[in-house]
Amino acid sequence: MAAPLCVEVEFGGGAELLFDGVKKHQVTLPGQEEPWDIRNLLVWIKTNLLKERPELFIQGDSV
């Protein structure tokens, strides 16, 4: 099992409006069986950080 991972996520170009206007987020991703990849990170962001309009952030497998 991989250890928890601390990362800084930063949004710009208007995307921060989907996250209550917050540009930078310091987050700790939980440990999981497989290593973190961008797909898993985007799903985690959508579930844990996104505040509104998920259809503008991610659609299926596209950002």
Protein backbone atom coordinates (compact mmCIF):
# COMPACT_ATOMS: atom_id res chain seq x y z
CA MET A 1 0.00 0.00 0.00
CA ALA A 2 1.32 3.44 -0.95
CA ALA A 3 1.72 6.03 1.80
CA PRO A 4 -0.43 9.18 1.84
CA LEU A 5 0.81 11.84 -0.59
CA CYS A 6 0.91 15.59 0.09
CA VAL A 7 0.43 17.76 -3.00
CA GLU A 8 -0.40 21.36 -3.88
CA VAL A 9 -3.14 21.76 -6.47
CA GLU A 10 -3.45 25.15 -8.19
CA PHE A 11 -6.23 26.38 -10.48
CA GLY A 12 -6.21 29.41 -12.77
CA GLY A 13 -7.85 30.87 -15.85
CA GLY A 14 -11.22 30.99 -14.12
CA ALA A 15 -11.20 27.36 -12.98
CA GLU A 16 -10.73 28.55 -9.39
CA LEU A 17 -14.34 29.80 -9.49
CA LEU A 18 -15.44 26.16 -9.40
CA PHE A 19 -13.57 25.81 -6.10
CA ASP A 20 -15.05 28.74 -4.15
CA GLY A 21 -12.53 31.12 -5.72
CA VAL A 22 -9.57 29.39 -4.03
CA LYS A 23 -6.58 29.07 -6.37
CA LYS A 24 -4.21 26.94 -4.25
CA HIS A 25 -5.12 23.88 -2.21
CA GLN A 26 -2.72 21.92 -0.01
CA VAL A 27 -4.13 18.40 0.14
CA THR A 28 -3.10 15.01 1.45
CA LEU A 29 -4.16 12.19 -0.81
CA PRO A 30 -4.94 9.02 1.13
CA GLY A 31 -2.83 5.92 0.80
CA GLN A 32 -4.19 3.40 -1.68
CA GLU A 33 -3.23 0.07 -3.19
CA GLU A 34 -2.16 1.45 -6.58
CA PRO A 35 0.06 4.50 -7.19
CA TRP A 36 -1.70 7.83 -7.77
CA ASP A 37 -2.10 8.92 -11.39
CA ILE A 38 -3.78 11.93 -13.00
CA ARG A 39 -7.05 10.08 -13.57
CA ASN A 40 -7.32 9.13 -9.88
CA LEU A 41 -6.29 12.64 -8.83
CA LEU A 42 -8.99 14.26 -10.98
CA VAL A 43 -11.68 11.98 -9.55
CA TRP A 44 -10.46 12.78 -6.02
CA ILE A 45 -10.52 16.53 -6.77
CA LYS A 46 -14.05 16.27 -8.17
CA THR A 47 -15.25 14.38 -5.09
CA ASN A 48 -13.40 16.34 -2.39
CA LEU A 49 -12.65 19.88 -3.62
CA LEU A 50 -15.09 20.83 -6.37
CA LYS A 51 -17.89 23.06 -5.11
CA GLU A 52 -20.03 23.66 -8.21
CA ARG A 53 -20.62 22.85 -11.87
CA PRO A 54 -18.83 19.48 -12.14
CA GLU A 55 -19.75 19.34 -15.84
CA LEU A 56 -17.34 22.25 -16.44
CA PHE A 57 -14.47 20.46 -14.68
CA ILE A 58 -14.65 16.92 -16.01
CA GLN A 59 -16.86 15.07 -18.50
CA GLY A 60 -16.43 11.31 -18.59
CA ASP A 61 -12.70 10.80 -19.13
CA SER A 62 -12.06 14.34 -20.44
CA VAL A 63 -11.04 17.50 -18.64
